[in-house]
Protein backbone atom coordinates (compact mmCIF):
# COMPACT_ATOMS: atom_id res chain seq x y z
CA MET A 1 9.48 10.63 0.90
CA ARG A 2 12.69 11.05 2.64
CA SER A 3 11.07 12.26 6.00
CA HIS A 4 8.98 9.17 5.96
CA GLU A 5 5.72 10.83 6.61
CA MET A 6 2.46 10.47 4.76
CA ARG A 7 0.39 13.81 5.06
CA VAL A 8 -2.92 14.09 3.90
CA GLY A 9 -3.62 17.69 3.47
CA ASP A 10 -2.31 18.84 6.42
CA VAL A 11 -2.85 15.63 8.65
CA LEU A 12 -0.15 13.13 9.64
CA VAL A 13 -0.97 9.81 9.08
CA THR A 14 0.82 7.14 11.37
CA ALA A 15 2.04 4.21 9.28
CA THR A 16 4.18 1.98 9.98
CA PRO A 17 7.76 1.29 8.50
CA LYS A 18 6.22 -1.33 6.27
CA GLU A 19 3.18 0.71 5.57
CA PHE A 20 4.94 3.49 4.55
CA ASP A 21 7.25 1.06 2.34
CA LEU A 22 3.68 -0.34 0.68
CA ILE A 23 2.52 3.17 -0.06
CA ARG A 24 5.79 4.49 -1.53
CA LEU A 25 6.08 1.28 -3.86
CA LEU A 26 2.43 1.94 -5.09
CA LEU A 27 3.30 5.43 -5.96
CA GLU A 28 6.25 4.81 -7.73
CA HIS A 29 4.46 2.54 -9.77
CA ARG A 30 1.30 4.66 -9.98
CA GLY A 31 -1.15 3.57 -12.45
CA GLU A 32 0.53 0.27 -12.82
CA VAL A 33 -1.12 -2.74 -11.21
CA MET A 34 1.11 -4.57 -8.57
CA THR A 35 0.57 -8.44 -7.90
CA SER A 36 0.81 -9.40 -4.23
CA ASP A 37 3.94 -11.33 -5.09
CA VAL A 38 5.74 -8.63 -6.65
CA ILE A 39 4.52 -6.37 -3.85
CA SER A 40 5.63 -9.39 -0.71
CA SER A 41 9.25 -9.83 -2.84
CA LEU A 42 9.89 -5.99 -3.01
CA ILE A 43 9.16 -4.95 0.56
CA TRP A 44 9.82 -8.51 2.59
CA GLY A 45 12.50 -10.17 0.21
CA TYR A 46 10.12 -12.82 -0.49
CA GLU A 47 6.98 -14.07 -2.22
CA THR A 48 3.90 -15.09 -0.72
CA PHE A 49 3.41 -17.81 -3.43
CA GLY A 50 -0.33 -16.64 -4.22
CA SER A 51 -1.52 -16.04 -0.50
CA ARG A 52 -2.85 -12.98 -0.63
CA ASN A 53 -4.00 -12.41 2.96
CA PHE A 54 -0.63 -11.22 4.03
CA VAL A 55 -0.32 -8.41 1.69
CA GLU A 56 -3.82 -7.90 1.91
CA ALA A 57 -3.89 -7.45 5.68
CA HIS A 58 -1.20 -4.54 5.13
CA VAL A 59 -3.14 -3.08 2.48
CA LEU A 60 -6.23 -3.06 4.58
CA ARG A 61 -4.53 -1.23 7.57
CA LEU A 62 -3.16 1.11 5.37
CA ARG A 63 -6.54 1.67 3.94
CA SER A 64 -8.54 1.84 7.31
CA LYS A 65 -5.80 4.97 8.23
CA LEU A 66 -5.96 7.01 4.90
CA ARG A 67 -10.06 6.49 5.29
CA HIS A 68 -9.60 7.96 8.47
CA VAL A 69 -8.15 11.12 7.70
CA GLY A 70 -10.74 11.29 4.71
CA ALA A 71 -8.86 10.12 1.74
CA PRO A 72 -10.98 6.59 1.15
CA CYS A 73 -10.13 5.65 -2.11
CA VAL A 74 -6.33 5.68 -2.69
CA VAL A 75 -5.39 2.33 -2.71
CA THR A 76 -7.33 0.40 -5.41
CA THR A 77 -8.22 -3.52 -5.66
CA VAL A 78 -8.26 -4.78 -9.11
CA ARG A 79 -9.86 -8.19 -8.59
CA GLY A 80 -7.65 -11.28 -9.36
CA VAL A 81 -4.76 -9.29 -10.47
CA GLY A 82 -3.42 -6.60 -7.08
CA TYR A 83 -3.29 -3.12 -6.17
CA VAL A 84 -3.09 0.10 -7.99
CA ILE A 85 -2.77 3.73 -7.07
CA ARG A 86 -4.42 6.04 -9.90
């Protein structure tokens, strides 16, 4: 975490600072479903007030990068609630 690097096995995953913050937040709360508003508040400093598109766009980009290096199911959506890493 201190190096701000994400790796899947030996493969370095290039992530923006906010994507890294997102994966770090979800890992720190592993097993806990995080709502979009909580994620937005903790990472960007303000709530999305129900607009999931903002956080969802970052989650989709992060998932795409992880899928590209062979880790397709890291971040799970809990429909109507939020996101979780189990």
